[in-house]
């Protein structure tokens, strides 16, 4: 693992979506997630679900602010020449994984 500067103008996994449509979509998604998080807190859901959703929102907000300020997301962690990401990407991935695992465990 090493540090490199990479300007990511696209979305996750460098899918070719960018521009104002992407910024508006991400902003709306973050607002919806925040409203959902407040609903879960009000209904006193599991702390694991609340924290995982919070990490997802935190990562998405960080990337959205990068996009707003710089016009791209700054990625800097080169993981074994496989992918380049940042801490926000890790937060989003961890939050999503915990939500998925928790959902599967609750279904059983």
N, C-alpha and C. Protein backbone atom coordinates (compact mmCIF):
# COMPACT_ATOMS: atom_id res chain seq x y z
N UNK A 1 0.85 -1.16 0.00
CA UNK A 1 0.00 0.00 0.00
C UNK A 1 0.90 1.24 0.00
N UNK A 2 0.53 2.22 -0.82
CA UNK A 2 1.31 3.45 -0.88
C UNK A 2 0.39 4.63 -1.14
N UNK A 3 0.90 5.83 -0.91
CA UNK A 3 0.15 7.05 -1.13
C UNK A 3 0.44 7.61 -2.52
N UNK A 4 -0.63 7.89 -3.26
CA UNK A 4 -0.52 8.55 -4.57
C UNK A 4 -1.70 9.53 -4.69
N UNK A 5 -1.56 10.51 -5.52
CA UNK A 5 -2.66 11.45 -5.77
C UNK A 5 -3.39 11.02 -7.02
N UNK A 6 -4.69 10.82 -6.89
CA UNK A 6 -5.51 10.47 -8.04
C UNK A 6 -6.78 11.32 -8.00
N UNK A 7 -7.06 11.99 -9.09
CA UNK A 7 -8.26 12.81 -9.19
C UNK A 7 -9.36 11.96 -9.83
N UNK A 8 -10.40 11.66 -9.06
CA UNK A 8 -11.48 10.82 -9.54
C UNK A 8 -12.67 11.70 -9.93
N UNK A 9 -12.86 11.87 -11.23
CA UNK A 9 -13.96 12.69 -11.73
C UNK A 9 -15.25 11.90 -11.85
N UNK A 10 -15.17 10.58 -11.74
CA UNK A 10 -16.33 9.70 -11.91
C UNK A 10 -16.82 9.21 -10.56
N UNK A 11 -17.77 8.27 -10.60
CA UNK A 11 -18.28 7.71 -9.35
C UNK A 11 -17.50 6.44 -9.02
N UNK A 12 -18.00 5.68 -8.07
CA UNK A 12 -17.32 4.48 -7.57
C UNK A 12 -16.84 3.58 -8.71
N UNK A 13 -15.67 3.02 -8.51
CA UNK A 13 -15.04 2.12 -9.47
C UNK A 13 -14.83 2.79 -10.82
N UNK A 14 -14.74 4.12 -10.81
CA UNK A 14 -14.51 4.94 -12.01
C UNK A 14 -15.56 4.74 -13.09
N UNK A 15 -16.80 4.47 -12.67
CA UNK A 15 -17.89 4.39 -13.64
C UNK A 15 -18.07 5.76 -14.28
N UNK A 16 -18.29 5.81 -15.58
CA UNK A 16 -18.26 7.09 -16.30
C UNK A 16 -19.51 7.97 -16.11
N UNK A 17 -19.77 8.37 -14.88
CA UNK A 17 -20.82 9.33 -14.59
C UNK A 17 -20.18 10.51 -13.89
N UNK A 18 -20.43 11.70 -14.36
CA UNK A 18 -19.86 12.89 -13.73
C UNK A 18 -20.71 14.10 -14.07
N UNK A 19 -20.30 15.25 -13.58
CA UNK A 19 -20.98 16.49 -13.90
C UNK A 19 -22.05 16.86 -12.89
N UNK A 20 -22.89 17.81 -13.27
CA UNK A 20 -23.90 18.33 -12.35
C UNK A 20 -24.97 17.30 -12.01
N UNK A 21 -25.30 16.41 -12.95
CA UNK A 21 -26.27 15.35 -12.67
C UNK A 21 -25.80 14.49 -11.50
N UNK A 22 -24.52 14.15 -11.50
CA UNK A 22 -23.96 13.34 -10.42
C UNK A 22 -24.00 14.09 -9.11
N UNK A 23 -23.63 15.36 -9.11
CA UNK A 23 -23.63 16.16 -7.89
C UNK A 23 -25.03 16.29 -7.29
N UNK A 24 -26.00 16.54 -8.14
CA UNK A 24 -27.39 16.66 -7.67
C UNK A 24 -27.89 15.33 -7.12
N UNK A 25 -27.58 14.23 -7.82
CA UNK A 25 -28.01 12.91 -7.38
C UNK A 25 -27.41 12.54 -6.03
N UNK A 26 -26.13 12.80 -5.87
CA UNK A 26 -25.45 12.49 -4.60
C UNK A 26 -26.03 13.33 -3.46
N UNK A 27 -26.27 14.61 -3.72
CA UNK A 27 -26.84 15.48 -2.69
C UNK A 27 -28.21 14.99 -2.25
N UNK A 28 -29.06 14.63 -3.21
CA UNK A 28 -30.39 14.11 -2.88
C UNK A 28 -30.30 12.80 -2.10
N UNK A 29 -29.39 11.94 -2.49
CA UNK A 29 -29.21 10.66 -1.80
C UNK A 29 -28.76 10.88 -0.36
N UNK A 30 -27.85 11.81 -0.14
CA UNK A 30 -27.38 12.10 1.21
C UNK A 30 -28.53 12.64 2.07
N UNK A 31 -29.32 13.53 1.51
CA UNK A 31 -30.46 14.09 2.25
C UNK A 31 -31.44 12.98 2.64
N UNK A 32 -31.73 12.09 1.70
CA UNK A 32 -32.64 10.97 1.98
C UNK A 32 -32.06 10.07 3.06
N UNK A 33 -30.76 9.78 3.00
CA UNK A 33 -30.12 8.94 4.02
C UNK A 33 -30.16 9.60 5.39
N UNK A 34 -29.97 10.91 5.46
CA UNK A 34 -30.01 11.61 6.74
C UNK A 34 -31.42 11.56 7.33
N UNK A 35 -32.43 11.76 6.51
CA UNK A 35 -33.81 11.67 6.99
C UNK A 35 -34.11 10.26 7.49
N UNK A 36 -33.64 9.26 6.75
CA UNK A 36 -33.83 7.86 7.17
C UNK A 36 -33.10 7.58 8.48
N UNK A 37 -31.89 8.11 8.63
CA UNK A 37 -31.14 7.93 9.87
C UNK A 37 -31.89 8.55 11.05
N UNK A 38 -32.41 9.74 10.88
CA UNK A 38 -33.18 10.38 11.95
C UNK A 38 -34.41 9.56 12.30
N UNK A 39 -35.05 8.98 11.31
CA UNK A 39 -36.20 8.11 11.55
C UNK A 39 -35.78 6.89 12.38
N UNK A 40 -34.66 6.27 12.03
CA UNK A 40 -34.18 5.10 12.77
C UNK A 40 -33.83 5.46 14.21
N UNK A 41 -33.23 6.62 14.40
CA UNK A 41 -32.89 7.05 15.76
C UNK A 41 -34.17 7.27 16.57
N UNK A 42 -35.15 7.89 15.95
CA UNK A 42 -36.42 8.14 16.64
C UNK A 42 -37.11 6.84 17.02
N UNK A 43 -37.04 5.84 16.16
CA UNK A 43 -37.68 4.55 16.43
C UNK A 43 -36.81 3.63 17.28
N UNK A 44 -35.62 4.14 17.69
CA UNK A 44 -34.70 3.41 18.57
C UNK A 44 -34.26 2.06 17.98
N UNK A 45 -33.82 2.11 16.74
CA UNK A 45 -33.28 0.92 16.09
C UNK A 45 -31.95 0.53 16.70
N UNK A 46 -31.44 -0.59 16.28
CA UNK A 46 -30.17 -1.11 16.77
C UNK A 46 -29.04 -0.10 16.55
N UNK A 47 -28.16 0.00 17.53
CA UNK A 47 -27.04 0.92 17.43
C UNK A 47 -26.11 0.54 16.28
N UNK A 48 -26.04 -0.75 15.95
CA UNK A 48 -25.20 -1.20 14.84
C UNK A 48 -25.73 -0.64 13.52
N UNK A 49 -27.02 -0.69 13.33
CA UNK A 49 -27.62 -0.17 12.11
C UNK A 49 -27.44 1.34 12.03
N UNK A 50 -27.66 2.02 13.14
CA UNK A 50 -27.52 3.48 13.16
C UNK A 50 -26.08 3.90 12.87
N UNK A 51 -25.11 3.24 13.51
CA UNK A 51 -23.70 3.59 13.29
C UNK A 51 -23.24 3.27 11.87
N UNK A 52 -23.69 2.15 11.32
CA UNK A 52 -23.28 1.80 9.96
C UNK A 52 -23.88 2.78 8.95
N UNK A 53 -25.11 3.19 9.16
CA UNK A 53 -25.71 4.19 8.28
C UNK A 53 -25.01 5.54 8.45
N UNK A 54 -24.63 5.87 9.67
CA UNK A 54 -23.90 7.11 9.92
C UNK A 54 -22.55 7.12 9.20
N UNK A 55 -21.81 6.00 9.23
CA UNK A 55 -20.52 5.94 8.53
C UNK A 55 -20.73 6.07 7.02
N UNK A 56 -21.80 5.48 6.51
CA UNK A 56 -22.12 5.60 5.09
C UNK A 56 -22.37 7.07 4.73
N UNK A 57 -23.17 7.75 5.54
CA UNK A 57 -23.48 9.16 5.30
C UNK A 57 -22.22 10.02 5.42
N UNK A 58 -21.40 9.74 6.42
CA UNK A 58 -20.17 10.49 6.62
C UNK A 58 -19.24 10.37 5.41
N UNK A 59 -19.05 9.16 4.91
CA UNK A 59 -18.20 8.96 3.74
C UNK A 59 -18.76 9.62 2.50
N UNK A 60 -20.07 9.48 2.31
CA UNK A 60 -20.70 10.09 1.13
C UNK A 60 -20.62 11.61 1.18
N UNK A 61 -20.80 12.18 2.36
CA UNK A 61 -20.71 13.63 2.52
C UNK A 61 -19.29 14.12 2.25
N UNK A 62 -18.30 13.38 2.73
CA UNK A 62 -16.91 13.75 2.49
C UNK A 62 -16.59 13.76 1.00
N UNK A 63 -17.00 12.72 0.30
CA UNK A 63 -16.76 12.68 -1.14
C UNK A 63 -17.54 13.78 -1.87
N UNK A 64 -18.76 14.05 -1.42
CA UNK A 64 -19.57 15.10 -2.05
C UNK A 64 -18.92 16.47 -1.85
N UNK A 65 -18.36 16.71 -0.66
CA UNK A 65 -17.68 17.99 -0.42
C UNK A 65 -16.43 18.12 -1.28
N UNK A 66 -15.69 17.03 -1.45
CA UNK A 66 -14.55 17.06 -2.37
C UNK A 66 -15.01 17.46 -3.77
N UNK A 67 -16.10 16.84 -4.23
CA UNK A 67 -16.62 17.13 -5.56
C UNK A 67 -17.06 18.58 -5.68
N UNK A 68 -17.67 19.09 -4.63
CA UNK A 68 -18.15 20.47 -4.64
C UNK A 68 -17.00 21.47 -4.64
N UNK A 69 -15.98 21.22 -3.82
CA UNK A 69 -14.86 22.15 -3.69
C UNK A 69 -13.89 22.04 -4.85
N UNK A 70 -13.51 20.81 -5.21
CA UNK A 70 -12.45 20.60 -6.21
C UNK A 70 -12.96 20.21 -7.60
N UNK A 71 -14.20 19.70 -7.67
CA UNK A 71 -14.72 19.22 -8.94
C UNK A 71 -14.42 17.74 -9.17
N UNK A 72 -13.77 17.12 -8.21
CA UNK A 72 -13.44 15.69 -8.27
C UNK A 72 -13.18 15.20 -6.86
N UNK A 73 -13.13 13.89 -6.69
CA UNK A 73 -12.81 13.30 -5.39
C UNK A 73 -11.33 12.98 -5.36
N UNK A 74 -10.68 13.34 -4.27
CA UNK A 74 -9.26 13.07 -4.13
C UNK A 74 -9.08 11.67 -3.54
N UNK A 75 -8.54 10.77 -4.33
CA UNK A 75 -8.19 9.43 -3.88
C UNK A 75 -6.69 9.37 -3.67
N UNK A 76 -6.25 8.68 -2.62
CA UNK A 76 -4.82 8.72 -2.30
C UNK A 76 -4.24 7.42 -1.76
N UNK A 77 -5.03 6.41 -1.50
CA UNK A 77 -4.50 5.14 -1.01
C UNK A 77 -4.46 4.12 -2.14
N UNK A 78 -3.28 3.80 -2.61
CA UNK A 78 -3.10 2.79 -3.65
C UNK A 78 -2.97 1.43 -2.95
N UNK A 79 -3.99 0.60 -3.11
CA UNK A 79 -4.05 -0.69 -2.42
C UNK A 79 -3.54 -1.78 -3.36
N UNK A 80 -2.29 -2.15 -3.17
CA UNK A 80 -1.65 -3.25 -3.91
C UNK A 80 -1.82 -3.14 -5.42
N UNK A 81 -1.73 -1.94 -5.97
CA UNK A 81 -1.90 -1.69 -7.40
C UNK A 81 -3.22 -2.22 -7.94
N UNK A 82 -4.19 -2.36 -7.06
CA UNK A 82 -5.51 -2.87 -7.45
C UNK A 82 -6.50 -1.72 -7.62
N UNK A 83 -6.54 -0.85 -6.64
CA UNK A 83 -7.45 0.27 -6.69
C UNK A 83 -6.87 1.44 -5.90
N UNK A 84 -7.34 2.62 -6.20
CA UNK A 84 -6.95 3.81 -5.45
C UNK A 84 -8.22 4.37 -4.82
N UNK A 85 -8.17 4.58 -3.50
CA UNK A 85 -9.35 5.04 -2.79
C UNK A 85 -8.95 5.99 -1.67
N UNK A 86 -9.94 6.43 -0.91
CA UNK A 86 -9.68 7.31 0.23
C UNK A 86 -10.43 6.79 1.45
N UNK A 87 -10.27 7.46 2.57
CA UNK A 87 -10.91 7.02 3.82
C UNK A 87 -12.43 7.04 3.68
N UNK A 88 -12.97 8.02 2.97
CA UNK A 88 -14.42 8.09 2.78
C UNK A 88 -14.94 6.86 2.05
N UNK A 89 -14.20 6.38 1.06
CA UNK A 89 -14.60 5.17 0.34
C UNK A 89 -14.62 3.97 1.28
N UNK A 90 -13.66 3.91 2.19
CA UNK A 90 -13.61 2.81 3.17
C UNK A 90 -14.81 2.90 4.11
N UNK A 91 -15.16 4.10 4.56
CA UNK A 91 -16.32 4.27 5.42
C UNK A 91 -17.61 3.84 4.73
N UNK A 92 -17.76 4.22 3.47
CA UNK A 92 -18.94 3.84 2.70
C UNK A 92 -19.02 2.32 2.56
N UNK A 93 -17.90 1.71 2.22
CA UNK A 93 -17.88 0.25 2.04
C UNK A 93 -18.16 -0.49 3.35
N UNK A 94 -17.54 -0.05 4.43
CA UNK A 94 -17.78 -0.71 5.72
C UNK A 94 -19.22 -0.54 6.17
N UNK A 95 -19.76 0.65 6.04
CA UNK A 95 -21.15 0.89 6.42
C UNK A 95 -22.12 0.03 5.61
N UNK A 96 -21.88 -0.05 4.31
CA UNK A 96 -22.75 -0.87 3.46
C UNK A 96 -22.63 -2.36 3.80
N UNK A 97 -21.41 -2.82 4.03
CA UNK A 97 -21.21 -4.25 4.38
C UNK A 97 -21.91 -4.60 5.69
N UNK A 98 -21.77 -3.73 6.69
CA UNK A 98 -22.42 -4.01 7.97
C UNK A 98 -23.93 -4.01 7.82
N UNK A 99 -24.48 -3.08 7.04
CA UNK A 99 -25.92 -3.07 6.80
C UNK A 99 -26.39 -4.35 6.10
N UNK A 100 -25.64 -4.79 5.11
CA UNK A 100 -26.01 -6.02 4.38
C UNK A 100 -25.94 -7.23 5.30
N UNK A 101 -24.84 -7.35 6.05
CA UNK A 101 -24.69 -8.50 6.96
C UNK A 101 -25.78 -8.48 8.03
N UNK A 102 -26.05 -7.32 8.60
CA UNK A 102 -27.09 -7.20 9.61
C UNK A 102 -28.46 -7.57 9.03
N UNK A 103 -28.70 -7.16 7.81
CA UNK A 103 -29.98 -7.48 7.16
C UNK A 103 -30.13 -8.99 6.95
N UNK A 104 -29.06 -9.66 6.53
CA UNK A 104 -29.12 -11.11 6.34
C UNK A 104 -29.32 -11.83 7.67
N UNK A 105 -28.67 -11.35 8.72
CA UNK A 105 -28.81 -11.99 10.04
C UNK A 105 -30.22 -11.80 10.59
N UNK A 106 -30.83 -10.63 10.32
CA UNK A 106 -32.19 -10.37 10.81
C UNK A 106 -33.22 -11.18 10.05
N UNK A 107 -32.93 -11.58 8.80
CA UNK A 107 -33.87 -12.38 8.02
C UNK A 107 -33.98 -13.81 8.52
N UNK A 108 -32.95 -14.30 9.20
CA UNK A 108 -32.95 -15.69 9.66
C UNK A 108 -33.76 -15.91 10.90
